[in-house]
Amino acid sequence: MADTTVDARRNQVTRSRILLGLGVGTLVGVLANVVLGAAHPLVAGANHYVAGPVGQIFLRLLLVIVMPLMFASVTLGVAGMDDLRRVGRVGARALAYFAVSTGVAATLGLVAVVLLRPGERIPPETRSQLMVTYASDASARVESAGLSTFGVDRVASIIPGNVFRAAIDLDVFAVLVFAVLFGVALSRLTGERAKPMTDLLQSVH
């Protein structure tokens, strides 16, 4: 009980520090843009040599831990269910939550683009250069996302052929499906046979 309380306090402190850092970074960025401007050498140098690399490292570290944490949480949750018929109900709720949260995120993104109009202050020549540089990359990402049609192949593709490849590609849905199936299989094992894997997932979680 004491260990759980200590972990909860540590997690709260970590979340508070992350939120504080995000708030301070946002404030500093807005002030620098308003007072000096994005084209100022000091701001450009700070973005290129400090903010850019540090931001990329932070995002990559977050992406590294997202998949293992999600896999451990979902697998342990499914394996801990006494009645496997509840998995279907929980899965339906998870899919509904996923669909609603995706819709809300897309709506917020569209509203933010309409209101803030990002990139409007970028000079036309720079904008054209960015379009030429990243147009092919954007097209490749759209094709790899497979946004064409929904059919039998699309249904079959939710089962990952290689869960590690799915995790590398950040295919959250495929990893989620594998975690549910793995949790169901783990729940069918006896206590002693499942304990090593359960302990490992508990340590990750």
N, C-alpha and C. Protein backbone atom coordinates (compact mmCIF):
# COMPACT_ATOMS: atom_id res chain seq x y z
N MET A 1 0.83 -1.20 0.00
CA MET A 1 0.00 0.00 0.00
C MET A 1 0.86 1.25 0.00
N ALA A 2 1.94 1.20 0.81
CA ALA A 2 2.84 2.35 0.88
C ALA A 2 3.54 2.57 -0.45
N ASP A 3 3.95 1.47 -1.11
CA ASP A 3 4.62 1.59 -2.41
C ASP A 3 3.68 2.20 -3.44
N THR A 4 2.41 1.80 -3.39
CA THR A 4 1.43 2.35 -4.33
C THR A 4 1.26 3.84 -4.12
N THR A 5 1.23 4.27 -2.86
CA THR A 5 1.08 5.70 -2.56
C THR A 5 2.29 6.49 -3.04
N VAL A 6 3.48 5.93 -2.83
CA VAL A 6 4.71 6.60 -3.28
C VAL A 6 4.73 6.72 -4.79
N ASP A 7 4.35 5.63 -5.50
CA ASP A 7 4.32 5.68 -6.96
C ASP A 7 3.31 6.70 -7.47
N ALA A 8 2.16 6.78 -6.79
CA ALA A 8 1.14 7.75 -7.20
C ALA A 8 1.66 9.17 -7.03
N ARG A 9 2.36 9.42 -5.94
CA ARG A 9 2.92 10.76 -5.72
C ARG A 9 3.98 11.10 -6.75
N ARG A 10 4.83 10.13 -7.06
CA ARG A 10 5.86 10.36 -8.08
C ARG A 10 5.24 10.65 -9.44
N ASN A 11 4.20 9.90 -9.78
CA ASN A 11 3.52 10.14 -11.06
C ASN A 11 2.89 11.53 -11.10
N GLN A 12 2.31 11.94 -9.95
CA GLN A 12 1.70 13.27 -9.90
C GLN A 12 2.76 14.36 -10.06
N VAL A 13 3.91 14.18 -9.42
CA VAL A 13 4.99 15.16 -9.55
C VAL A 13 5.50 15.22 -10.98
N THR A 14 5.64 14.05 -11.61
CA THR A 14 6.10 14.01 -12.99
C THR A 14 5.13 14.71 -13.92
N ARG A 15 3.84 14.43 -13.76
CA ARG A 15 2.83 15.11 -14.59
C ARG A 15 2.85 16.61 -14.38
N SER A 16 3.01 17.03 -13.13
CA SER A 16 3.05 18.46 -12.84
C SER A 16 4.26 19.12 -13.50
N ARG A 17 5.40 18.46 -13.47
CA ARG A 17 6.60 19.01 -14.10
C ARG A 17 6.45 19.10 -15.61
N ILE A 18 5.82 18.07 -16.20
CA ILE A 18 5.62 18.10 -17.65
C ILE A 18 4.69 19.24 -18.05
N LEU A 19 3.59 19.39 -17.31
CA LEU A 19 2.65 20.48 -17.61
C LEU A 19 3.30 21.84 -17.39
N LEU A 20 4.11 21.96 -16.34
CA LEU A 20 4.81 23.22 -16.10
C LEU A 20 5.79 23.53 -17.22
N GLY A 21 6.53 22.52 -17.66
CA GLY A 21 7.46 22.72 -18.77
C GLY A 21 6.75 23.11 -20.05
N LEU A 22 5.61 22.47 -20.34
CA LEU A 22 4.84 22.83 -21.53
C LEU A 22 4.33 24.27 -21.44
N GLY A 23 3.86 24.64 -20.26
CA GLY A 23 3.36 26.01 -20.09
C GLY A 23 4.45 27.05 -20.24
N VAL A 24 5.61 26.80 -19.60
CA VAL A 24 6.71 27.75 -19.70
C VAL A 24 7.24 27.83 -21.13
N GLY A 25 7.36 26.69 -21.79
CA GLY A 25 7.83 26.68 -23.18
C GLY A 25 6.89 27.44 -24.10
N THR A 26 5.58 27.24 -23.92
CA THR A 26 4.61 27.97 -24.73
C THR A 26 4.70 29.47 -24.51
N LEU A 27 4.80 29.86 -23.24
CA LEU A 27 4.89 31.29 -22.91
C LEU A 27 6.15 31.92 -23.50
N VAL A 28 7.28 31.25 -23.34
CA VAL A 28 8.54 31.77 -23.87
C VAL A 28 8.49 31.87 -25.39
N GLY A 29 7.92 30.85 -26.05
CA GLY A 29 7.81 30.87 -27.50
C GLY A 29 6.94 32.00 -28.01
N VAL A 30 5.80 32.22 -27.35
CA VAL A 30 4.91 33.30 -27.77
C VAL A 30 5.58 34.66 -27.57
N LEU A 31 6.22 34.85 -26.42
CA LEU A 31 6.90 36.13 -26.15
C LEU A 31 8.03 36.38 -27.14
N ALA A 32 8.81 35.33 -27.44
CA ALA A 32 9.91 35.50 -28.39
C ALA A 32 9.39 35.84 -29.78
N ASN A 33 8.29 35.23 -30.17
CA ASN A 33 7.73 35.51 -31.49
C ASN A 33 7.15 36.91 -31.57
N VAL A 34 6.52 37.36 -30.47
CA VAL A 34 5.89 38.68 -30.47
C VAL A 34 6.93 39.78 -30.36
N VAL A 35 7.92 39.60 -29.47
CA VAL A 35 8.90 40.66 -29.21
C VAL A 35 9.98 40.72 -30.29
N LEU A 36 10.55 39.56 -30.63
CA LEU A 36 11.67 39.54 -31.57
C LEU A 36 11.27 39.14 -32.99
N GLY A 37 10.28 38.24 -33.10
CA GLY A 37 9.90 37.75 -34.41
C GLY A 37 10.60 36.44 -34.73
N ALA A 38 9.94 35.60 -35.53
CA ALA A 38 10.49 34.29 -35.85
C ALA A 38 11.77 34.36 -36.67
N ALA A 39 11.95 35.46 -37.42
CA ALA A 39 13.13 35.59 -38.29
C ALA A 39 14.35 36.15 -37.57
N HIS A 40 14.20 36.52 -36.31
CA HIS A 40 15.35 37.09 -35.58
C HIS A 40 16.44 36.03 -35.43
N PRO A 41 17.70 36.39 -35.62
CA PRO A 41 18.78 35.38 -35.53
C PRO A 41 18.81 34.64 -34.20
N LEU A 42 18.53 35.35 -33.10
CA LEU A 42 18.55 34.70 -31.80
C LEU A 42 17.46 33.64 -31.69
N VAL A 43 16.25 33.97 -32.18
CA VAL A 43 15.13 33.03 -32.13
C VAL A 43 15.39 31.86 -33.08
N ALA A 44 15.88 32.16 -34.29
CA ALA A 44 16.16 31.10 -35.25
C ALA A 44 17.24 30.15 -34.74
N GLY A 45 18.28 30.72 -34.11
CA GLY A 45 19.34 29.87 -33.56
C GLY A 45 18.86 29.01 -32.42
N ALA A 46 18.03 29.60 -31.54
CA ALA A 46 17.49 28.82 -30.42
C ALA A 46 16.59 27.69 -30.91
N ASN A 47 15.80 27.97 -31.95
CA ASN A 47 14.95 26.93 -32.51
C ASN A 47 15.76 25.80 -33.14
N HIS A 48 16.81 26.19 -33.87
CA HIS A 48 17.58 25.19 -34.62
C HIS A 48 18.49 24.36 -33.72
N TYR A 49 19.12 24.99 -32.75
CA TYR A 49 20.14 24.29 -31.97
C TYR A 49 19.65 23.81 -30.59
N VAL A 50 18.53 24.36 -30.09
CA VAL A 50 18.08 24.00 -28.75
C VAL A 50 16.66 23.42 -28.78
N ALA A 51 15.69 24.26 -29.13
CA ALA A 51 14.30 23.84 -29.04
C ALA A 51 13.99 22.68 -29.97
N GLY A 52 14.48 22.74 -31.20
CA GLY A 52 14.20 21.67 -32.16
C GLY A 52 14.73 20.32 -31.71
N PRO A 53 16.03 20.18 -31.44
CA PRO A 53 16.55 18.87 -31.01
C PRO A 53 15.95 18.37 -29.71
N VAL A 54 15.81 19.27 -28.72
CA VAL A 54 15.24 18.84 -27.44
C VAL A 54 13.80 18.39 -27.62
N GLY A 55 13.02 19.13 -28.42
CA GLY A 55 11.64 18.74 -28.67
C GLY A 55 11.54 17.40 -29.36
N GLN A 56 12.41 17.14 -30.35
CA GLN A 56 12.39 15.87 -31.04
C GLN A 56 12.76 14.71 -30.10
N ILE A 57 13.75 14.95 -29.25
CA ILE A 57 14.15 13.91 -28.29
C ILE A 57 13.00 13.60 -27.34
N PHE A 58 12.31 14.63 -26.86
CA PHE A 58 11.19 14.43 -25.93
C PHE A 58 10.06 13.64 -26.61
N LEU A 59 9.71 14.02 -27.83
CA LEU A 59 8.65 13.31 -28.54
C LEU A 59 9.03 11.86 -28.82
N ARG A 60 10.28 11.63 -29.20
CA ARG A 60 10.71 10.26 -29.48
C ARG A 60 10.69 9.40 -28.22
N LEU A 61 11.07 9.99 -27.08
CA LEU A 61 11.01 9.24 -25.82
C LEU A 61 9.57 8.89 -25.47
N LEU A 62 8.64 9.82 -25.72
CA LEU A 62 7.23 9.52 -25.46
C LEU A 62 6.75 8.38 -26.35
N LEU A 63 7.12 8.43 -27.64
CA LEU A 63 6.68 7.39 -28.55
C LEU A 63 7.28 6.03 -28.19
N VAL A 64 8.48 6.04 -27.61
CA VAL A 64 9.12 4.78 -27.22
C VAL A 64 8.32 4.07 -26.13
N ILE A 65 7.75 4.82 -25.19
CA ILE A 65 7.08 4.20 -24.04
C ILE A 65 5.59 4.00 -24.25
N VAL A 66 5.00 4.62 -25.28
CA VAL A 66 3.55 4.52 -25.47
C VAL A 66 3.13 3.08 -25.74
N MET A 67 3.76 2.44 -26.71
CA MET A 67 3.35 1.09 -27.09
C MET A 67 3.53 0.07 -25.97
N PRO A 68 4.69 0.00 -25.30
CA PRO A 68 4.81 -0.97 -24.20
C PRO A 68 3.80 -0.74 -23.08
N LEU A 69 3.56 0.52 -22.72
CA LEU A 69 2.59 0.80 -21.66
C LEU A 69 1.18 0.39 -22.08
N MET A 70 0.81 0.71 -23.30
CA MET A 70 -0.53 0.35 -23.77
C MET A 70 -0.69 -1.17 -23.83
N PHE A 71 0.32 -1.86 -24.36
CA PHE A 71 0.24 -3.31 -24.46
C PHE A 71 0.12 -3.95 -23.08
N ALA A 72 0.94 -3.49 -22.14
CA ALA A 72 0.90 -4.07 -20.79
C ALA A 72 -0.44 -3.79 -20.12
N SER A 73 -0.95 -2.58 -20.23
CA SER A 73 -2.21 -2.23 -19.58
C SER A 73 -3.37 -3.03 -20.12
N VAL A 74 -3.48 -3.10 -21.46
CA VAL A 74 -4.60 -3.81 -22.07
C VAL A 74 -4.51 -5.31 -21.79
N THR A 75 -3.32 -5.86 -21.92
CA THR A 75 -3.16 -7.31 -21.70
C THR A 75 -3.50 -7.69 -20.26
N LEU A 76 -3.01 -6.93 -19.31
CA LEU A 76 -3.32 -7.22 -17.91
C LEU A 76 -4.80 -7.04 -17.61
N GLY A 77 -5.41 -6.03 -18.21
CA GLY A 77 -6.84 -5.82 -17.99
C GLY A 77 -7.68 -6.96 -18.52
N VAL A 78 -7.35 -7.45 -19.71
CA VAL A 78 -8.10 -8.57 -20.29
C VAL A 78 -7.81 -9.85 -19.53
N ALA A 79 -6.55 -10.10 -19.20
CA ALA A 79 -6.19 -11.33 -18.49
C ALA A 79 -6.82 -11.38 -17.10
N GLY A 80 -7.09 -10.23 -16.50
CA GLY A 80 -7.66 -10.20 -15.16
C GLY A 80 -9.17 -10.36 -15.12
N MET A 81 -9.83 -10.44 -16.26
CA MET A 81 -11.28 -10.61 -16.30
C MET A 81 -11.65 -12.06 -16.04
N ASP A 82 -12.55 -12.26 -15.10
CA ASP A 82 -13.01 -13.61 -14.81
C ASP A 82 -13.92 -14.14 -15.90
N ASP A 83 -14.76 -13.29 -16.45
CA ASP A 83 -15.70 -13.68 -17.50
C ASP A 83 -15.22 -13.11 -18.82
N LEU A 84 -14.76 -13.97 -19.72
CA LEU A 84 -14.23 -13.51 -20.99
C LEU A 84 -15.30 -12.89 -21.88
N ARG A 85 -16.59 -13.12 -21.57
CA ARG A 85 -17.64 -12.48 -22.35
C ARG A 85 -17.64 -10.97 -22.15
N ARG A 86 -17.04 -10.53 -21.05
CA ARG A 86 -16.94 -9.09 -20.81
C ARG A 86 -15.95 -8.43 -21.77
N VAL A 87 -15.05 -9.23 -22.36
CA VAL A 87 -14.05 -8.66 -23.27
C VAL A 87 -14.74 -7.99 -24.45
N GLY A 88 -15.80 -8.64 -24.97
CA GLY A 88 -16.53 -8.06 -26.09
C GLY A 88 -17.15 -6.72 -25.74
N ARG A 89 -17.75 -6.63 -24.55
CA ARG A 89 -18.36 -5.37 -24.13
C ARG A 89 -17.31 -4.29 -23.92
N VAL A 90 -16.21 -4.68 -23.28
CA VAL A 90 -15.14 -3.71 -23.07
C VAL A 90 -14.53 -3.28 -24.40
N GLY A 91 -14.36 -4.25 -25.32
CA GLY A 91 -13.82 -3.91 -26.63
C GLY A 91 -14.72 -2.96 -27.40
N ALA A 92 -16.04 -3.18 -27.30
CA ALA A 92 -16.98 -2.29 -27.98
C ALA A 92 -16.89 -0.88 -27.40
N ARG A 93 -16.78 -0.78 -26.09
CA ARG A 93 -16.64 0.54 -25.47
C ARG A 93 -15.32 1.20 -25.88
N ALA A 94 -14.26 0.39 -25.95
CA ALA A 94 -12.96 0.95 -26.35
C ALA A 94 -13.01 1.47 -27.78
N LEU A 95 -13.66 0.70 -28.67
CA LEU A 95 -13.78 1.15 -30.05
C LEU A 95 -14.62 2.42 -30.15
N ALA A 96 -15.70 2.48 -29.36
CA ALA A 96 -16.53 3.68 -29.36
C ALA A 96 -15.74 4.88 -28.85
N TYR A 97 -14.97 4.66 -27.78
CA TYR A 97 -14.15 5.76 -27.24
C TYR A 97 -13.10 6.19 -28.26
N PHE A 98 -12.50 5.22 -28.94
CA PHE A 98 -11.49 5.52 -29.95
C PHE A 98 -12.10 6.36 -31.08
N ALA A 99 -13.30 5.95 -31.54
CA ALA A 99 -13.95 6.68 -32.63
C ALA A 99 -14.34 8.10 -32.20
N VAL A 100 -14.89 8.22 -30.99
CA VAL A 100 -15.31 9.55 -30.51
C VAL A 100 -14.11 10.46 -30.30
N SER A 101 -13.07 9.94 -29.66
CA SER A 101 -11.88 10.77 -29.40
C SER A 101 -11.20 11.17 -30.71
N THR A 102 -11.19 10.27 -31.71
CA THR A 102 -10.62 10.62 -33.00
C THR A 102 -11.43 11.72 -33.67
N GLY A 103 -12.75 11.60 -33.60
CA GLY A 103 -13.61 12.63 -34.19
C GLY A 103 -13.44 13.97 -33.51
N VAL A 104 -13.36 13.95 -32.17
CA VAL A 104 -13.16 15.21 -31.44
C VAL A 104 -11.82 15.84 -31.78
N ALA A 105 -10.76 15.00 -31.85
CA ALA A 105 -9.43 15.52 -32.19
C ALA A 105 -9.42 16.12 -33.59
N ALA A 106 -10.06 15.43 -34.55
CA ALA A 106 -10.11 15.96 -35.91
C ALA A 106 -10.88 17.27 -35.97
N THR A 107 -11.98 17.34 -35.23
CA THR A 107 -12.77 18.57 -35.21
C THR A 107 -11.99 19.73 -34.61
N LEU A 108 -11.33 19.47 -33.50
CA LEU A 108 -10.52 20.51 -32.86
C LEU A 108 -9.40 20.97 -33.79
N GLY A 109 -8.78 20.02 -34.50
CA GLY A 109 -7.72 20.39 -35.43
C GLY A 109 -8.23 21.28 -36.54
N LEU A 110 -9.40 20.94 -37.11
CA LEU A 110 -9.96 21.76 -38.18
C LEU A 110 -10.34 23.15 -37.68
N VAL A 111 -10.93 23.22 -36.48
CA VAL A 111 -11.30 24.52 -35.92
C VAL A 111 -10.06 25.36 -35.67
N ALA A 112 -9.01 24.73 -35.13
CA ALA A 112 -7.77 25.47 -34.87
C ALA A 112 -7.15 25.99 -36.16
N VAL A 113 -7.20 25.18 -37.22
CA VAL A 113 -6.63 25.63 -38.50
C VAL A 113 -7.41 26.81 -39.06
N VAL A 114 -8.75 26.74 -38.96
CA VAL A 114 -9.58 27.83 -39.49
C VAL A 114 -9.36 29.12 -38.70
N LEU A 115 -9.25 29.00 -37.37
CA LEU A 115 -9.12 30.19 -36.54
C LEU A 115 -7.71 30.76 -36.54
N LEU A 116 -6.71 29.91 -36.43
CA LEU A 116 -5.33 30.38 -36.30
C LEU A 116 -4.63 30.55 -37.64
N ARG A 117 -5.07 29.78 -38.65
CA ARG A 117 -4.48 29.86 -39.99
C ARG A 117 -2.96 29.76 -39.93
N PRO A 118 -2.45 28.59 -39.51
CA PRO A 118 -0.99 28.42 -39.41
C PRO A 118 -0.33 28.51 -40.77
N GLY A 119 0.82 29.11 -40.80
CA GLY A 119 1.57 29.26 -42.04
C GLY A 119 1.22 30.50 -42.83
N GLU A 120 0.23 31.25 -42.36
CA GLU A 120 -0.17 32.44 -43.12
C GLU A 120 0.92 33.50 -43.12
N ARG A 121 1.74 33.53 -42.06
CA ARG A 121 2.79 34.53 -41.96
C ARG A 121 4.08 34.10 -42.65
N ILE A 122 4.11 32.87 -43.16
CA ILE A 122 5.30 32.39 -43.86
C ILE A 122 5.38 33.09 -45.22
N PRO A 123 6.53 33.60 -45.61
CA PRO A 123 6.67 34.24 -46.92
C PRO A 123 6.30 33.28 -48.05
N PRO A 124 5.71 33.79 -49.14
CA PRO A 124 5.26 32.92 -50.24
C PRO A 124 6.37 32.05 -50.82
N GLU A 125 7.58 32.60 -50.95
CA GLU A 125 8.66 31.79 -51.53
C GLU A 125 9.04 30.63 -50.61
N THR A 126 9.03 30.89 -49.31
CA THR A 126 9.32 29.81 -48.35
C THR A 126 8.22 28.76 -48.37
N ARG A 127 6.98 29.20 -48.49
CA ARG A 127 5.85 28.28 -48.53
C ARG A 127 5.94 27.38 -49.76
N SER A 128 6.28 27.96 -50.89
CA SER A 128 6.41 27.18 -52.12
C SER A 128 7.53 26.15 -52.00
N GLN A 129 8.64 26.56 -51.38
CA GLN A 129 9.77 25.65 -51.20
C GLN A 129 9.39 24.48 -50.29
N LEU A 130 8.65 24.76 -49.23
CA LEU A 130 8.21 23.70 -48.32
C LEU A 130 7.26 22.73 -49.02
N MET A 131 6.38 23.27 -49.87
CA MET A 131 5.45 22.41 -50.60
C MET A 131 6.20 21.46 -51.53
N VAL A 132 7.21 21.99 -52.21
CA VAL A 132 7.99 21.15 -53.13
C VAL A 132 8.77 20.09 -52.36
N THR A 133 9.31 20.49 -51.20
CA THR A 133 10.17 19.58 -50.44
C THR A 133 9.38 18.43 -49.82
N TYR A 134 8.19 18.72 -49.29
CA TYR A 134 7.47 17.72 -48.51
C TYR A 134 6.24 17.16 -49.21
N ALA A 135 5.97 17.55 -50.46
CA ALA A 135 4.78 17.04 -51.15
C ALA A 135 4.87 15.54 -51.36
N SER A 136 6.02 15.05 -51.81
CA SER A 136 6.17 13.61 -52.06
C SER A 136 6.09 12.81 -50.77
N ASP A 137 6.65 13.35 -49.70
CA ASP A 137 6.61 12.66 -48.42
C ASP A 137 5.17 12.56 -47.91
N ALA A 138 4.39 13.63 -48.08
CA ALA A 138 2.99 13.60 -47.65
C ALA A 138 2.20 12.58 -48.45
N SER A 139 2.43 12.52 -49.77
CA SER A 139 1.72 11.55 -50.61
C SER A 139 2.06 10.12 -50.21
N ALA A 140 3.34 9.88 -49.89
CA ALA A 140 3.75 8.54 -49.48
C ALA A 140 3.09 8.14 -48.16
N ARG A 141 2.96 9.09 -47.25
CA ARG A 141 2.33 8.78 -45.96
C ARG A 141 0.84 8.49 -46.13
N VAL A 142 0.17 9.20 -47.02
CA VAL A 142 -1.24 8.94 -47.26
C VAL A 142 -1.43 7.55 -47.85
N GLU A 143 -0.56 7.18 -48.81
CA GLU A 143 -0.67 5.86 -49.41
C GLU A 143 -0.38 4.75 -48.40
N SER A 144 0.63 4.96 -47.56
CA SER A 144 0.97 3.93 -46.57
C SER A 144 -0.10 3.79 -45.51
N ALA A 145 -0.87 4.86 -45.28
CA ALA A 145 -1.94 4.78 -44.29
C ALA A 145 -3.10 3.93 -44.77
N GLY A 146 -3.19 3.73 -46.09
CA GLY A 146 -4.24 2.86 -46.63
C GLY A 146 -5.62 3.44 -46.45
N LEU A 147 -5.82 4.67 -46.89
CA LEU A 147 -7.10 5.34 -46.70
C LEU A 147 -8.03 5.18 -47.90
N SER A 148 -7.80 4.16 -48.72
CA SER A 148 -8.55 4.03 -49.95
C SER A 148 -9.97 3.52 -49.71
N THR A 149 -10.13 2.22 -49.53
CA THR A 149 -11.45 1.65 -49.37
C THR A 149 -11.47 0.71 -48.18
N PHE A 150 -12.68 0.43 -47.70
CA PHE A 150 -12.86 -0.48 -46.57
C PHE A 150 -13.47 -1.76 -47.11
N GLY A 151 -12.74 -2.87 -47.00
CA GLY A 151 -13.23 -4.13 -47.52
C GLY A 151 -12.73 -5.29 -46.69
N VAL A 152 -12.77 -6.49 -47.31
CA VAL A 152 -12.35 -7.70 -46.60
C VAL A 152 -10.88 -7.62 -46.20
N ASP A 153 -10.05 -7.10 -47.10
CA ASP A 153 -8.62 -6.97 -46.79
C ASP A 153 -8.40 -6.04 -45.62
N ARG A 154 -9.19 -4.98 -45.54
CA ARG A 154 -9.06 -4.04 -44.43
C ARG A 154 -9.42 -4.70 -43.11
N VAL A 155 -10.46 -5.56 -43.12
CA VAL A 155 -10.85 -6.27 -41.89
C VAL A 155 -9.75 -7.22 -41.47
N ALA A 156 -9.17 -7.95 -42.44
CA ALA A 156 -8.11 -8.92 -42.12
C ALA A 156 -6.85 -8.23 -41.63
N SER A 157 -6.62 -6.99 -42.06
CA SER A 157 -5.38 -6.30 -41.72
C SER A 157 -5.33 -5.83 -40.27
N ILE A 158 -6.48 -5.92 -39.55
CA ILE A 158 -6.44 -5.50 -38.15
C ILE A 158 -5.67 -6.49 -37.29
N ILE A 159 -5.47 -7.72 -37.82
CA ILE A 159 -4.64 -8.69 -37.11
C ILE A 159 -3.22 -8.52 -37.63
N PRO A 160 -2.30 -8.05 -36.81
CA PRO A 160 -0.95 -7.77 -37.31
C PRO A 160 -0.19 -9.06 -37.60
N GLY A 161 0.45 -9.11 -38.77
CA GLY A 161 1.31 -10.24 -39.09
C GLY A 161 2.59 -10.21 -38.28
N ASN A 162 3.02 -9.04 -37.91
CA ASN A 162 4.22 -8.86 -37.10
C ASN A 162 3.94 -7.72 -36.13
N VAL A 163 3.73 -8.06 -34.87
CA VAL A 163 3.35 -7.04 -33.89
C VAL A 163 4.48 -6.03 -33.66
N PHE A 164 5.72 -6.46 -33.82
CA PHE A 164 6.83 -5.53 -33.65
C PHE A 164 6.86 -4.51 -34.79
N ARG A 165 6.57 -4.95 -36.00
CA ARG A 165 6.48 -4.03 -37.12
C ARG A 165 5.33 -3.05 -36.92
N ALA A 166 4.20 -3.57 -36.40
CA ALA A 166 3.06 -2.69 -36.13
C ALA A 166 3.42 -1.64 -35.08
N ALA A 167 4.18 -2.05 -34.06
CA ALA A 167 4.59 -1.09 -33.03
C ALA A 167 5.55 -0.05 -33.60
N ILE A 168 6.46 -0.49 -34.47
CA ILE A 168 7.41 0.44 -35.09
C ILE A 168 6.67 1.45 -35.97
N ASP A 169 5.64 0.97 -36.68
CA ASP A 169 4.86 1.84 -37.55
C ASP A 169 3.82 2.65 -36.78
N LEU A 170 3.78 2.48 -35.45
CA LEU A 170 2.82 3.19 -34.59
C LEU A 170 1.38 2.87 -35.00
N ASP A 171 1.15 1.62 -35.38
CA ASP A 171 -0.21 1.16 -35.70
C ASP A 171 -0.89 0.78 -34.38
N VAL A 172 -1.50 1.78 -33.75
CA VAL A 172 -2.05 1.59 -32.41
C VAL A 172 -3.15 0.54 -32.41
N PHE A 173 -4.02 0.58 -33.41
CA PHE A 173 -5.15 -0.35 -33.43
C PHE A 173 -4.69 -1.80 -33.55
N ALA A 174 -3.69 -2.06 -34.39
CA ALA A 174 -3.19 -3.42 -34.55
C ALA A 174 -2.56 -3.92 -33.25
N VAL A 175 -1.79 -3.08 -32.58
CA VAL A 175 -1.19 -3.48 -31.30
C VAL A 175 -2.28 -3.70 -30.25
N LEU A 176 -3.33 -2.88 -30.28
CA LEU A 176 -4.43 -3.04 -29.33
C LEU A 176 -5.13 -4.38 -29.53
N VAL A 177 -5.38 -4.74 -30.78
CA VAL A 177 -6.03 -6.03 -31.07
C VAL A 177 -5.15 -7.18 -30.60
N PHE A 178 -3.84 -7.09 -30.87
CA PHE A 178 -2.93 -8.15 -30.43
C PHE A 178 -2.90 -8.24 -28.91
N ALA A 179 -2.93 -7.10 -28.23
CA ALA A 179 -2.92 -7.10 -26.77
C ALA A 179 -4.16 -7.78 -26.21
N VAL A 180 -5.31 -7.54 -26.83
CA VAL A 180 -6.55 -8.20 -26.38
C VAL A 180 -6.44 -9.71 -26.57
N LEU A 181 -5.98 -10.14 -27.74
CA LEU A 181 -5.84 -11.57 -28.00
C LEU A 181 -4.82 -12.21 -27.07
N PHE A 182 -3.73 -11.50 -26.83
CA PHE A 182 -2.70 -12.02 -25.93
C PHE A 182 -3.25 -12.12 -24.51
N GLY A 183 -4.04 -11.14 -24.10
CA GLY A 183 -4.64 -11.19 -22.77
C GLY A 183 -5.61 -12.33 -22.62
N VAL A 184 -6.40 -12.62 -23.67
CA VAL A 184 -7.32 -13.76 -23.63
C VAL A 184 -6.55 -15.06 -23.50
N ALA A 185 -5.47 -15.19 -24.28
CA ALA A 185 -4.65 -16.41 -24.19
C ALA A 185 -4.02 -16.53 -22.81
N LEU A 186 -3.58 -15.42 -22.24
CA LEU A 186 -2.95 -15.45 -20.92
C LEU A 186 -3.95 -15.83 -19.84
N SER A 187 -5.20 -15.42 -20.01
CA SER A 187 -6.22 -15.75 -19.01
C SER A 187 -6.57 -17.23 -19.01
N ARG A 188 -6.28 -17.93 -20.09
CA ARG A 188 -6.59 -19.35 -20.18
C ARG A 188 -5.52 -20.22 -19.53
N LEU A 189 -4.39 -19.63 -19.18
CA LEU A 189 -3.33 -20.39 -18.55
C LEU A 189 -3.59 -20.51 -17.05
N THR A 190 -3.00 -21.53 -16.45
CA THR A 190 -3.09 -21.67 -15.00
C THR A 190 -2.24 -20.61 -14.32
N GLY A 191 -2.48 -20.41 -13.04
CA GLY A 191 -1.82 -19.33 -12.31
C GLY A 191 -0.31 -19.39 -12.37
N GLU A 192 0.28 -20.57 -12.16
CA GLU A 192 1.73 -20.69 -12.12
C GLU A 192 2.35 -20.47 -13.49
N ARG A 193 1.68 -20.94 -14.55
CA ARG A 193 2.23 -20.78 -15.89
C ARG A 193 2.12 -19.34 -16.36
N ALA A 194 1.09 -18.63 -15.93
CA ALA A 194 0.89 -17.25 -16.36
C ALA A 194 1.66 -16.25 -15.52
N LYS A 195 2.11 -16.68 -14.32
CA LYS A 195 2.71 -15.73 -13.38
C LYS A 195 3.96 -15.04 -13.93
N PRO A 196 4.92 -15.73 -14.59
CA PRO A 196 6.10 -15.03 -15.09
C PRO A 196 5.76 -13.90 -16.07
N MET A 197 4.86 -14.17 -17.00
CA MET A 197 4.47 -13.14 -17.96
C MET A 197 3.69 -12.03 -17.27
N THR A 198 2.83 -12.39 -16.33
CA THR A 198 2.06 -11.38 -15.61
C THR A 198 2.99 -10.47 -14.80
N ASP A 199 3.98 -11.07 -14.16
CA ASP A 199 4.94 -10.26 -13.39
C ASP A 199 5.73 -9.32 -14.31
N LEU A 200 6.10 -9.81 -15.48
CA LEU A 200 6.83 -8.96 -16.42
C LEU A 200 5.96 -7.78 -16.87
N LEU A 201 4.71 -8.06 -17.22
CA LEU A 201 3.81 -6.99 -17.65
C LEU A 201 3.51 -6.02 -16.51
N GLN A 202 3.42 -6.53 -15.28
CA GLN A 202 3.20 -5.67 -14.13
C GLN A 202 4.38 -4.71 -13.94
N SER A 203 5.59 -5.23 -14.14
CA SER A 203 6.77 -4.37 -13.99
C SER A 203 6.82 -3.30 -15.07
N VAL A 204 6.37 -3.62 -16.30
CA VAL A 204 6.31 -2.63 -17.37
C VAL A 204 5.22 -1.61 -17.09
N HIS A 205 4.09 -2.09 -16.59
CA HIS A 205 2.95 -1.23 -16.30
C HIS A 205 3.22 -0.32 -15.13
